[in-house]
Amino acid sequence: MTVAVPVRDPRRPSWEEPPTAAGQAGKGVVLFIVLAVVLIPLWMVVLTSLSTQSAVNQAGGMVLVPDGITFAAYKQIFTNQLVMHSLLVSLGITIVGTLISMVVTILCAYGLSRHGSYAHRPILLVLVVTMFFSGGLIPTFLVVSALGGYDSYWSMILPTAVSVFNILVVRAFFSATSQELIDAAAIDGAGDWRTLWSVVLPTSRAVTAVVALFYAVGYWNTFFNALLFLPDNQKWPLQMVIYTYTLQGNAMPGSGQNTTGQYFGTQEITPLAIQMAVVTLTLIPILIVYPFVQRHFTKGVLLGAIKG
């Protein structure tokens, strides 16, 4: 029995040839390593949040092999007022901030995508310049404070409400909208608002879904603005709580150390399990939303970026 050996076409570059068995095995090994690097830390975080105190102590920290499952950490964080309030703050900031960012981004991108709009080229130039030069941390702090944003929830939204990169991506997608469709809408008497709402947006669901996900993930994960502008921990978002009580190792109210250095709260779980439960809680919304938007990524971002 003879095995047919594929003949290489000398006119085609080598990277367009079908991979060999060794190449496929190499890709499989690389993908396995990348998958392990991504999933093992996630697995350890989730499993540690579900582990008993004895399992965590036996593992000496993060748990890799399950040895007893308990939901006590989740019961405790859902009864912790600070965590629950910060969760509501994060949800509110994410929803309101995403709506504001999408409205501003869509209106700005649509105006810049119309060639006859007033001063669209100078405005576009100014926006692009801000991608490379920013005002700096201290001027930003002074401006936000002077406008009354210090110790306000708006300081979590307005300073980062607009991303020039997202505007350029949406503008590129809007510019690719069929001119015949826009002309037909104009002949039917549609103005700019009607054209945007009834013609451009329905044909641009992919890019709007992806950009909305970008904004939502950004607001959900933000903590630096809270570090700068929110001194009151009762206004902290969930990420700021994680930063303070997980990364810095401070004791979380209701589950940490008292003034004598002894742990209090339930005896079935450790503070590490509670911290990992809070981290897991932050991952759930992204894991739920991402599969619904993932199918738009290629068309929404790559196609829009190439046509830009």
C-alpha atoms as a PDB file:
ATOM      1  CA  MET A   1       0.000   0.000   0.000  1.00  0.00           C
ATOM      2  CA  THR A   2       1.457   3.327  -1.023  1.00  0.00           C
ATOM      3  CA  VAL A   3       0.669   6.663   0.603  1.00  0.00           C
ATOM      4  CA  ALA A   4       0.127   9.577  -1.723  1.00  0.00           C
ATOM      5  CA  VAL A   5       2.494  12.429  -0.923  1.00  0.00           C
ATOM      6  CA  PRO A   6       1.042  15.876  -1.690  1.00  0.00           C
ATOM      7  CA  VAL A   7       3.010  17.702  -4.342  1.00  0.00           C
ATOM      8  CA  ARG A   8       4.033  21.212  -3.374  1.00  0.00           C
ATOM      9  CA  ASP A   9       3.179  23.943  -5.854  1.00  0.00           C
ATOM     10  CA  PRO A  10       6.357  26.059  -6.278  1.00  0.00           C
ATOM     11  CA  ARG A  11       4.247  29.106  -7.182  1.00  0.00           C
ATOM     12  CA  ARG A  12       2.552  29.162  -3.761  1.00  0.00           C
ATOM     13  CA  PRO A  13       4.313  30.492  -0.639  1.00  0.00           C
ATOM     14  CA  SER A  14       5.232  27.904   1.953  1.00  0.00           C
ATOM     15  CA  TRP A  15       2.756  29.200   4.568  1.00  0.00           C
ATOM     16  CA  GLU A  16      -0.169  28.483   2.218  1.00  0.00           C
ATOM     17  CA  GLU A  17       0.736  24.798   1.902  1.00  0.00           C
ATOM     18  CA  PRO A  18      -1.245  22.263   3.979  1.00  0.00           C
ATOM     19  CA  PRO A  19       0.515  21.540   7.292  1.00  0.00           C
ATOM     20  CA  THR A  20       2.490  18.365   7.724  1.00  0.00           C
ATOM     21  CA  ALA A  21       1.797  15.848  10.476  1.00  0.00           C
ATOM     22  CA  ALA A  22       4.623  17.328  12.539  1.00  0.00           C
ATOM     23  CA  GLY A  23       3.194  20.811  12.014  1.00  0.00           C
ATOM     24  CA  GLN A  24      -0.260  19.739  13.142  1.00  0.00           C
ATOM     25  CA  ALA A  25       1.209  18.039  16.209  1.00  0.00           C
ATOM     26  CA  GLY A  26       3.180  21.192  17.021  1.00  0.00           C
ATOM     27  CA  LYS A  27       0.062  23.345  16.728  1.00  0.00           C
ATOM     28  CA  GLY A  28      -1.806  20.931  18.961  1.00  0.00           C
ATOM     29  CA  VAL A  29       0.892  21.144  21.625  1.00  0.00           C
ATOM     30  CA  VAL A  30       0.955  24.949  21.478  1.00  0.00           C
ATOM     31  CA  LEU A  31      -2.847  25.166  21.699  1.00  0.00           C
ATOM     32  CA  PHE A  32      -2.845  22.738  24.627  1.00  0.00           C
ATOM     33  CA  ILE A  33      -0.273  24.867  26.474  1.00  0.00           C
ATOM     34  CA  VAL A  34      -2.200  28.080  25.809  1.00  0.00           C
ATOM     35  CA  LEU A  35      -5.433  26.419  26.931  1.00  0.00           C
ATOM     36  CA  ALA A  36      -3.777  25.156  30.097  1.00  0.00           C
ATOM     37  CA  VAL A  37      -2.330  28.583  30.885  1.00  0.00           C
ATOM     38  CA  VAL A  38      -5.822  30.079  30.592  1.00  0.00           C
ATOM     39  CA  LEU A  39      -7.912  27.394  32.252  1.00  0.00           C
ATOM     40  CA  ILE A  40      -5.724  26.187  35.140  1.00  0.00           C
ATOM     41  CA  PRO A  41      -5.719  29.555  37.001  1.00  0.00           C
ATOM     42  CA  LEU A  42      -9.474  29.852  36.407  1.00  0.00           C
ATOM     43  CA  TRP A  43      -9.977  26.300  37.654  1.00  0.00           C
ATOM     44  CA  MET A  44      -7.922  27.014  40.803  1.00  0.00           C
ATOM     45  CA  VAL A  45      -9.843  30.217  41.545  1.00  0.00           C
ATOM     46  CA  VAL A  46     -13.247  28.532  41.229  1.00  0.00           C
ATOM     47  CA  LEU A  47     -12.187  25.409  43.100  1.00  0.00           C
ATOM     48  CA  THR A  48     -10.604  27.376  45.938  1.00  0.00           C
ATOM     49  CA  SER A  49     -13.834  29.345  46.340  1.00  0.00           C
ATOM     50  CA  LEU A  50     -15.706  26.040  46.684  1.00  0.00           C
ATOM     51  CA  SER A  51     -13.209  24.340  49.011  1.00  0.00           C
ATOM     52  CA  THR A  52     -13.438  23.759  52.711  1.00  0.00           C
ATOM     53  CA  GLN A  53     -10.996  25.190  55.180  1.00  0.00           C
ATOM     54  CA  SER A  54      -9.215  21.842  55.546  1.00  0.00           C
ATOM     55  CA  ALA A  55      -8.770  21.510  51.769  1.00  0.00           C
ATOM     56  CA  VAL A  56      -7.299  25.009  51.496  1.00  0.00           C
ATOM     57  CA  ASN A  57      -4.987  24.402  54.443  1.00  0.00           C
ATOM     58  CA  GLN A  58      -3.910  21.049  53.029  1.00  0.00           C
ATOM     59  CA  ALA A  59      -3.120  22.620  49.643  1.00  0.00           C
ATOM     60  CA  GLY A  60      -1.259  25.461  51.326  1.00  0.00           C
ATOM     61  CA  GLY A  61      -3.233  28.091  49.382  1.00  0.00           C
ATOM     62  CA  MET A  62      -4.849  27.712  45.983  1.00  0.00           C
ATOM     63  CA  VAL A  63      -6.546  24.343  45.496  1.00  0.00           C
ATOM     64  CA  LEU A  64      -5.881  22.347  42.341  1.00  0.00           C
ATOM     65  CA  VAL A  65      -7.423  18.991  43.284  1.00  0.00           C
ATOM     66  CA  PRO A  66     -10.926  19.033  44.822  1.00  0.00           C
ATOM     67  CA  ASP A  67     -11.256  17.640  48.353  1.00  0.00           C
ATOM     68  CA  GLY A  68     -14.652  18.586  49.682  1.00  0.00           C
ATOM     69  CA  ILE A  69     -17.017  21.116  48.135  1.00  0.00           C
ATOM     70  CA  THR A  70     -18.868  23.803  50.052  1.00  0.00           C
ATOM     71  CA  PHE A  71     -20.810  26.918  49.043  1.00  0.00           C
ATOM     72  CA  ALA A  72     -20.208  28.575  52.401  1.00  0.00           C
ATOM     73  CA  ALA A  73     -17.997  31.287  50.855  1.00  0.00           C
ATOM     74  CA  TYR A  74     -20.760  32.306  48.449  1.00  0.00           C
ATOM     75  CA  LYS A  75     -23.330  32.300  51.251  1.00  0.00           C
ATOM     76  CA  GLN A  76     -21.089  34.610  53.221  1.00  0.00           C
ATOM     77  CA  ILE A  77     -20.399  37.107  50.423  1.00  0.00           C
ATOM     78  CA  PHE A  78     -24.101  37.256  49.527  1.00  0.00           C
ATOM     79  CA  THR A  79     -24.781  38.288  53.127  1.00  0.00           C
ATOM     80  CA  ASN A  80     -21.891  40.787  53.131  1.00  0.00           C
ATOM     81  CA  GLN A  81     -23.346  44.250  52.652  1.00  0.00           C
ATOM     82  CA  LEU A  82     -20.127  45.710  51.257  1.00  0.00           C
ATOM     83  CA  VAL A  83     -19.834  43.052  48.530  1.00  0.00           C
ATOM     84  CA  MET A  84     -23.509  43.169  47.582  1.00  0.00           C
ATOM     85  CA  HIS A  85     -23.530  46.972  47.467  1.00  0.00           C
ATOM     86  CA  SER A  86     -20.367  47.023  45.365  1.00  0.00           C
ATOM     87  CA  LEU A  87     -21.956  44.459  43.032  1.00  0.00           C
ATOM     88  CA  LEU A  88     -24.971  46.738  42.537  1.00  0.00           C
ATOM     89  CA  VAL A  89     -22.650  49.713  41.981  1.00  0.00           C
ATOM     90  CA  SER A  90     -20.719  47.799  39.312  1.00  0.00           C
ATOM     91  CA  LEU A  91     -23.933  46.747  37.577  1.00  0.00           C
ATOM     92  CA  GLY A  92     -25.254  50.317  37.619  1.00  0.00           C
ATOM     93  CA  ILE A  93     -22.003  51.801  36.344  1.00  0.00           C
ATOM     94  CA  THR A  94     -21.784  49.160  33.620  1.00  0.00           C
ATOM     95  CA  ILE A  95     -25.353  49.644  32.383  1.00  0.00           C
ATOM     96  CA  VAL A  96     -25.462  53.451  32.548  1.00  0.00           C
ATOM     97  CA  GLY A  97     -21.903  53.882  31.296  1.00  0.00           C
ATOM     98  CA  THR A  98     -22.394  51.532  28.357  1.00  0.00           C
ATOM     99  CA  LEU A  99     -25.581  53.321  27.306  1.00  0.00           C
ATOM    100  CA  ILE A 100     -23.897  56.738  27.469  1.00  0.00           C
ATOM    101  CA  SER A 101     -20.798  55.519  25.650  1.00  0.00           C
ATOM    102  CA  MET A 102     -22.797  53.836  22.895  1.00  0.00           C
ATOM    103  CA  VAL A 103     -24.977  56.902  22.291  1.00  0.00           C
ATOM    104  CA  VAL A 104     -21.960  59.214  22.069  1.00  0.00           C
ATOM    105  CA  THR A 105     -19.934  56.777  19.973  1.00  0.00           C
ATOM    106  CA  ILE A 106     -22.724  56.072  17.467  1.00  0.00           C
ATOM    107  CA  LEU A 107     -23.646  59.733  17.005  1.00  0.00           C
ATOM    108  CA  CYS A 108     -20.009  60.794  16.657  1.00  0.00           C
ATOM    109  CA  ALA A 109     -19.173  57.936  14.286  1.00  0.00           C
ATOM    110  CA  TYR A 110     -22.217  58.580  12.118  1.00  0.00           C
ATOM    111  CA  GLY A 111     -21.416  62.281  11.817  1.00  0.00           C
ATOM    112  CA  LEU A 112     -17.804  61.561  10.931  1.00  0.00           C
ATOM    113  CA  SER A 113     -18.811  58.907   8.378  1.00  0.00           C
ATOM    114  CA  ARG A 114     -20.910  61.356   6.328  1.00  0.00           C
ATOM    115  CA  HIS A 115     -18.617  63.157   3.883  1.00  0.00           C
ATOM    116  CA  GLY A 116     -20.787  66.224   3.712  1.00  0.00           C
ATOM    117  CA  SER A 117     -20.982  66.800   7.479  1.00  0.00           C
ATOM    118  CA  TYR A 118     -19.597  70.055   8.854  1.00  0.00           C
ATOM    119  CA  ALA A 119     -15.882  70.064   9.821  1.00  0.00           C
ATOM    120  CA  HIS A 120     -15.728  66.300  10.056  1.00  0.00           C
ATOM    121  CA  ARG A 121     -12.097  66.150   8.938  1.00  0.00           C
ATOM    122  CA  PRO A 122     -10.697  68.589  11.586  1.00  0.00           C
ATOM    123  CA  ILE A 123     -12.783  66.889  14.277  1.00  0.00           C
ATOM    124  CA  LEU A 124     -11.492  63.500  13.192  1.00  0.00           C
ATOM    125  CA  LEU A 125      -7.925  64.812  13.305  1.00  0.00           C
ATOM    126  CA  VAL A 126      -8.404  66.135  16.843  1.00  0.00           C
ATOM    127  CA  LEU A 127      -9.843  62.809  17.974  1.00  0.00           C
ATOM    128  CA  VAL A 128      -6.931  60.879  16.497  1.00  0.00           C
ATOM    129  CA  VAL A 129      -4.433  63.172  18.224  1.00  0.00           C
ATOM    130  CA  THR A 130      -5.980  62.308  21.597  1.00  0.00           C
ATOM    131  CA  MET A 131      -5.139  58.665  20.962  1.00  0.00           C
ATOM    132  CA  PHE A 132      -1.436  59.514  21.186  1.00  0.00           C
ATOM    133  CA  PHE A 133      -1.399  62.434  23.646  1.00  0.00           C
ATOM    134  CA  SER A 134      -3.397  62.669  26.872  1.00  0.00           C
ATOM    135  CA  GLY A 135      -3.691  65.331  29.515  1.00  0.00           C
ATOM    136  CA  GLY A 136      -1.988  63.220  32.173  1.00  0.00           C
ATOM    137  CA  LEU A 137      -3.085  61.923  35.528  1.00  0.00           C
ATOM    138  CA  ILE A 138      -2.887  65.095  37.626  1.00  0.00           C
ATOM    139  CA  PRO A 139      -4.642  67.385  35.077  1.00  0.00           C
ATOM    140  CA  THR A 140      -7.370  64.758  34.706  1.00  0.00           C
ATOM    141  CA  PHE A 141      -7.811  64.602  38.477  1.00  0.00           C
ATOM    142  CA  LEU A 142      -7.973  68.403  38.737  1.00  0.00           C
ATOM    143  CA  VAL A 143     -10.500  68.708  35.897  1.00  0.00           C
ATOM    144  CA  VAL A 144     -12.769  65.987  37.281  1.00  0.00           C
ATOM    145  CA  SER A 145     -12.580  67.466  40.777  1.00  0.00           C
ATOM    146  CA  ALA A 146     -13.272  71.005  39.497  1.00  0.00           C
ATOM    147  CA  LEU A 147     -16.356  69.735  37.678  1.00  0.00           C
ATOM    148  CA  GLY A 148     -17.702  68.151  40.879  1.00  0.00           C
ATOM    149  CA  GLY A 149     -16.872  64.574  39.979  1.00  0.00           C
ATOM    150  CA  TYR A 150     -14.828  63.806  43.112  1.00  0.00           C
ATOM    151  CA  ASP A 151     -16.644  61.339  45.368  1.00  0.00           C
ATOM    152  CA  SER A 152     -19.332  60.949  42.697  1.00  0.00           C
ATOM    153  CA  TYR A 153     -20.397  57.940  40.670  1.00  0.00           C
ATOM    154  CA  TRP A 154     -20.109  60.069  37.519  1.00  0.00           C
ATOM    155  CA  SER A 155     -16.332  60.060  37.948  1.00  0.00           C
ATOM    156  CA  MET A 156     -16.478  56.357  37.072  1.00  0.00           C
ATOM    157  CA  ILE A 157     -18.288  57.009  33.786  1.00  0.00           C
ATOM    158  CA  LEU A 158     -17.677  60.392  32.205  1.00  0.00           C
ATOM    159  CA  PRO A 159     -13.815  60.476  32.100  1.00  0.00           C
ATOM    160  CA  THR A 160     -13.806  57.217  30.106  1.00  0.00           C
ATOM    161  CA  ALA A 161     -17.153  57.536  28.353  1.00  0.00           C
ATOM    162  CA  VAL A 162     -15.670  57.797  24.866  1.00  0.00           C
ATOM    163  CA  SER A 163     -13.007  55.654  23.248  1.00  0.00           C
ATOM    164  CA  VAL A 164     -11.556  57.101  20.042  1.00  0.00           C
ATOM    165  CA  PHE A 165     -10.575  53.629  18.886  1.00  0.00           C
ATOM    166  CA  ASN A 166     -14.189  52.461  19.127  1.00  0.00           C
ATOM    167  CA  ILE A 167     -15.371  55.584  17.296  1.00  0.00           C
ATOM    168  CA  LEU A 168     -12.974  54.858  14.444  1.00  0.00           C
ATOM    169  CA  VAL A 169     -14.099  51.231  14.227  1.00  0.00           C
ATOM    170  CA  VAL A 170     -17.795  52.184  14.169  1.00  0.00           C
ATOM    171  CA  ARG A 171     -17.131  55.016  11.712  1.00  0.00           C
ATOM    172  CA  ALA A 172     -15.376  52.598   9.354  1.00  0.00           C
ATOM    173  CA  PHE A 173     -18.341  50.254   9.518  1.00  0.00           C
ATOM    174  CA  PHE A 174     -20.841  53.083   8.969  1.00  0.00           C
ATOM    175  CA  SER A 175     -18.822  54.325   5.983  1.00  0.00           C
ATOM    176  CA  ALA A 176     -19.253  50.915   4.370  1.00  0.00           C
ATOM    177  CA  THR A 177     -23.046  51.197   4.457  1.00  0.00           C
ATOM    178  CA  SER A 178     -24.471  51.040   0.958  1.00  0.00           C
ATOM    179  CA  GLN A 179     -24.885  54.547  -0.434  1.00  0.00           C
ATOM    180  CA  GLU A 180     -27.885  53.303  -2.441  1.00  0.00           C
ATOM    181  CA  LEU A 181     -29.707  52.482   0.791  1.00  0.00           C
ATOM    182  CA  ILE A 182     -29.017  55.948   2.200  1.00  0.00           C
ATOM    183  CA  ASP A 183     -30.065  57.616  -1.064  1.00  0.00           C
ATOM    184  CA  ALA A 184     -33.282  55.568  -1.135  1.00  0.00           C
ATOM    185  CA  ALA A 185     -34.053  56.634   2.441  1.00  0.00           C
ATOM    186  CA  ALA A 186     -33.402  60.281   1.498  1.00  0.00           C
ATOM    187  CA  ILE A 187     -35.744  59.992  -1.507  1.00  0.00           C
ATOM    188  CA  ASP A 188     -38.427  58.621   0.840  1.00  0.00           C
ATOM    189  CA  GLY A 189     -38.037  61.740   2.955  1.00  0.00           C
ATOM    190  CA  ALA A 190     -35.902  60.350   5.792  1.00  0.00           C
ATOM    191  CA  GLY A 191     -33.626  62.793   7.585  1.00  0.00           C
ATOM    192  CA  ASP A 192     -30.320  62.009   9.245  1.00  0.00           C
ATOM    193  CA  TRP A 193     -31.904  60.764  12.487  1.00  0.00           C
ATOM    194  CA  ARG A 194     -34.326  58.504  10.604  1.00  0.00           C
ATOM    195  CA  THR A 195     -31.569  57.231   8.321  1.00  0.00           C
ATOM    196  CA  LEU A 196     -29.338  56.436  11.275  1.00  0.00           C
ATOM    197  CA  TRP A 197     -32.088  54.652  13.218  1.00  0.00           C
ATOM    198  CA  SER A 198     -33.817  52.784  10.363  1.00  0.00           C
ATOM    199  CA  VAL A 199     -31.036  52.145   7.848  1.00  0.00           C
ATOM    200  CA  VAL A 200     -27.533  52.384   9.319  1.00  0.00           C
ATOM    201  CA  LEU A 201     -28.019  50.830  12.765  1.00  0.00           C
ATOM    202  CA  PRO A 202     -29.965  47.727  11.583  1.00  0.00           C
ATOM    203  CA  THR A 203     -27.171  46.940   9.126  1.00  0.00           C
ATOM    204  CA  SER A 204     -24.476  47.523  11.773  1.00  0.00           C
ATOM    205  CA  ARG A 205     -25.626  45.245  14.574  1.00  0.00           C
ATOM    206  CA  ALA A 206     -22.351  43.320  14.532  1.00  0.00           C
ATOM    207  CA  VAL A 207     -20.115  46.305  15.240  1.00  0.00           C
ATOM    208  CA  THR A 208     -22.498  47.862  17.770  1.00  0.00           C
ATOM    209  CA  ALA A 209     -22.729  44.555  19.668  1.00  0.00           C
ATOM    210  CA  VAL A 210     -18.940  44.173  19.808  1.00  0.00           C
ATOM    211  CA  VAL A 211     -18.292  47.786  20.786  1.00  0.00           C
ATOM    212  CA  ALA A 212     -20.987  47.580  23.455  1.00  0.00           C
ATOM    213  CA  LEU A 213     -19.207  44.510  24.833  1.00  0.00           C
ATOM    214  CA  PHE A 214     -15.910  46.418  24.840  1.00  0.00           C
ATOM    215  CA  TYR A 215     -17.458  49.261  26.820  1.00  0.00           C
ATOM    216  CA  ALA A 216     -19.323  46.940  29.195  1.00  0.00           C
ATOM    217  CA  VAL A 217     -16.210  44.913  29.995  1.00  0.00           C
ATOM    218  CA  GLY A 218     -14.249  48.130  30.513  1.00  0.00           C
ATOM    219  CA  TYR A 219     -16.785  49.538  32.963  1.00  0.00           C
ATOM    220  CA  TRP A 220     -17.200  46.209  34.737  1.00  0.00           C
ATOM    221  CA  ASN A 221     -13.457  45.837  35.290  1.00  0.00           C
ATOM    222  CA  THR A 222     -12.662  49.448  36.131  1.00  0.00           C
ATOM    223  CA  PHE A 223     -11.165  50.240  39.496  1.00  0.00           C
ATOM    224  CA  PHE A 224      -8.527  52.909  38.859  1.00  0.00           C
ATOM    225  CA  ASN A 225     -11.047  55.751  38.656  1.00  0.00           C
ATOM    226  CA  ALA A 226     -12.527  54.510  41.926  1.00  0.00           C
ATOM    227  CA  LEU A 227      -9.037  54.535  43.427  1.00  0.00           C
ATOM    228  CA  LEU A 228      -8.651  58.189  42.377  1.00  0.00           C
ATOM    229  CA  PHE A 229     -12.087  59.668  42.857  1.00  0.00           C
ATOM    230  CA  LEU A 230     -14.038  57.543  45.367  1.00  0.00           C
ATOM    231  CA  PRO A 231     -12.629  57.776  48.912  1.00  0.00           C
ATOM    232  CA  ASP A 232     -15.833  56.381  50.422  1.00  0.00           C
ATOM    233  CA  ASN A 233     -15.753  52.573  50.379  1.00  0.00           C
ATOM    234  CA  GLN A 234     -19.565  52.507  50.398  1.00  0.00           C
ATOM    235  CA  LYS A 235     -19.410  53.754  46.781  1.00  0.00           C
ATOM    236  CA  TRP A 236     -16.754  51.340  45.600  1.00  0.00           C
ATOM    237  CA  PRO A 237     -17.440  49.050  42.628  1.00  0.00           C
ATOM    238  CA  LEU A 238     -16.770  45.348  42.930  1.00  0.00           C
ATOM    239  CA  GLN A 239     -13.351  45.534  41.288  1.00  0.00           C
ATOM    240  CA  MET A 240     -12.182  48.079  43.864  1.00  0.00           C
ATOM    241  CA  VAL A 241     -13.311  45.726  46.618  1.00  0.00           C
ATOM    242  CA  ILE A 242     -11.284  42.944  45.018  1.00  0.00           C
ATOM    243  CA  TYR A 243      -8.276  45.238  44.668  1.00  0.00           C
ATOM    244  CA  THR A 244      -8.429  46.234  48.307  1.00  0.00           C
ATOM    245  CA  TYR A 245      -9.380  42.976  49.971  1.00  0.00           C
ATOM    246  CA  THR A 246      -7.770  40.450  47.626  1.00  0.00           C
ATOM    247  CA  LEU A 247      -4.723  41.899  45.909  1.00  0.00           C
ATOM    248  CA  GLN A 248      -3.613  43.988  48.879  1.00  0.00           C
ATOM    249  CA  GLY A 249      -4.499  41.199  51.313  1.00  0.00           C
ATOM    250  CA  ASN A 250      -6.636  43.386  53.565  1.00  0.00           C
ATOM    251  CA  ALA A 251      -9.279  41.650  55.662  1.00  0.00           C
ATOM    252  CA  MET A 252     -12.771  41.814  54.232  1.00  0.00           C
ATOM    253  CA  PRO A 253     -15.421  43.087  56.652  1.00  0.00           C
ATOM    254  CA  GLY A 254     -17.305  40.156  58.145  1.00  0.00           C
ATOM    255  CA  SER A 255     -14.760  37.530  57.214  1.00  0.00           C
ATOM    256  CA  GLY A 256     -11.275  38.764  58.003  1.00  0.00           C
ATOM    257  CA  GLN A 257      -9.144  39.618  60.946  1.00  0.00           C
ATOM    258  CA  ASN A 258     -10.214  41.549  63.968  1.00  0.00           C
ATOM    259  CA  THR A 259      -8.111  44.038  65.852  1.00  0.00           C
ATOM    260  CA  THR A 260      -6.265  41.248  67.663  1.00  0.00           C
ATOM    261  CA  GLY A 261      -5.223  39.600  64.418  1.00  0.00           C
ATOM    262  CA  GLN A 262      -7.560  36.610  64.771  1.00  0.00           C
ATOM    263  CA  TYR A 263      -9.932  35.516  62.037  1.00  0.00           C
ATOM    264  CA  PHE A 264     -13.613  35.700  62.736  1.00  0.00           C
ATOM    265  CA  GLY A 265     -16.714  34.632  60.862  1.00  0.00           C
ATOM    266  CA  THR A 266     -17.582  31.075  59.901  1.00  0.00           C
ATOM    267  CA  GLN A 267     -15.084  28.367  60.778  1.00  0.00           C
ATOM    268  CA  GLU A 268     -15.824  26.301  57.634  1.00  0.00           C
ATOM    269  CA  ILE A 269     -14.057  28.590  55.179  1.00  0.00           C
ATOM    270  CA  THR A 270     -10.932  30.683  54.966  1.00  0.00           C
ATOM    271  CA  PRO A 271     -10.589  34.336  53.899  1.00  0.00           C
ATOM    272  CA  LEU A 272      -8.840  33.062  50.756  1.00  0.00           C
ATOM    273  CA  ALA A 273     -11.950  31.099  49.757  1.00  0.00           C
ATOM    274  CA  ILE A 274     -14.089  34.207  50.235  1.00  0.00           C
ATOM    275  CA  GLN A 275     -11.700  36.299  48.164  1.00  0.00           C
ATOM    276  CA  MET A 276     -11.741  33.735  45.354  1.00  0.00           C
ATOM    277  CA  ALA A 277     -15.541  33.621  45.535  1.00  0.00           C
ATOM    278  CA  VAL A 278     -15.623  37.388  44.947  1.00  0.00           C
ATOM    279  CA  VAL A 279     -13.224  36.997  42.014  1.00  0.00           C
ATOM    280  CA  THR A 280     -15.439  34.254  40.569  1.00  0.00           C
ATOM    281  CA  LEU A 281     -18.448  36.506  40.971  1.00  0.00           C
ATOM    282  CA  THR A 282     -16.808  39.106  38.734  1.00  0.00           C
ATOM    283  CA  LEU A 283     -16.234  36.530  35.986  1.00  0.00           C
ATOM    284  CA  ILE A 284     -19.820  35.310  35.720  1.00  0.00           C
ATOM    285  CA  PRO A 285     -21.374  38.279  33.799  1.00  0.00           C
ATOM    286  CA  ILE A 286     -18.588  38.264  31.208  1.00  0.00           C
ATOM    287  CA  LEU A 287     -18.858  34.494  30.742  1.00  0.00           C
ATOM    288  CA  ILE A 288     -22.619  34.827  30.240  1.00  0.00           C
ATOM    289  CA  VAL A 289     -22.518  37.726  27.766  1.00  0.00           C
ATOM    290  CA  TYR A 290     -19.452  36.778  25.725  1.00  0.00           C
ATOM    291  CA  PRO A 291     -20.896  33.712  23.879  1.00  0.00           C
ATOM    292  CA  PHE A 292     -23.778  35.812  22.532  1.00  0.00           C
ATOM    293  CA  VAL A 293     -21.419  38.459  21.114  1.00  0.00           C
ATOM    294  CA  GLN A 294     -18.495  36.235  20.074  1.00  0.00           C
ATOM    295  CA  ARG A 295     -20.047  35.407  16.681  1.00  0.00           C
ATOM    296  CA  HIS A 296     -19.959  39.115  15.756  1.00  0.00           C
ATOM    297  CA  PHE A 297     -16.252  39.607  16.455  1.00  0.00           C
ATOM    298  CA  THR A 298     -14.909  38.817  12.988  1.00  0.00           C
ATOM    299  CA  LYS A 299     -17.464  40.892  11.110  1.00  0.00           C
ATOM    300  CA  GLY A 300     -17.761  43.650  13.695  1.00  0.00           C
ATOM    301  CA  VAL A 301     -14.123  44.477  14.370  1.00  0.00           C
ATOM    302  CA  LEU A 302     -11.887  42.954  11.726  1.00  0.00           C
ATOM    303  CA  LEU A 303     -14.068  43.897   8.760  1.00  0.00           C
ATOM    304  CA  GLY A 304     -14.640  47.414  10.110  1.00  0.00           C
ATOM    305  CA  ALA A 305     -10.967  47.923  10.838  1.00  0.00           C
ATOM    306  CA  ILE A 306      -9.882  46.735   7.371  1.00  0.00           C
ATOM    307  CA  LYS A 307     -12.347  48.974   5.571  1.00  0.00           C
ATOM    308  CA  GLY A 308     -11.242  51.914   7.728  1.00  0.00           C
END
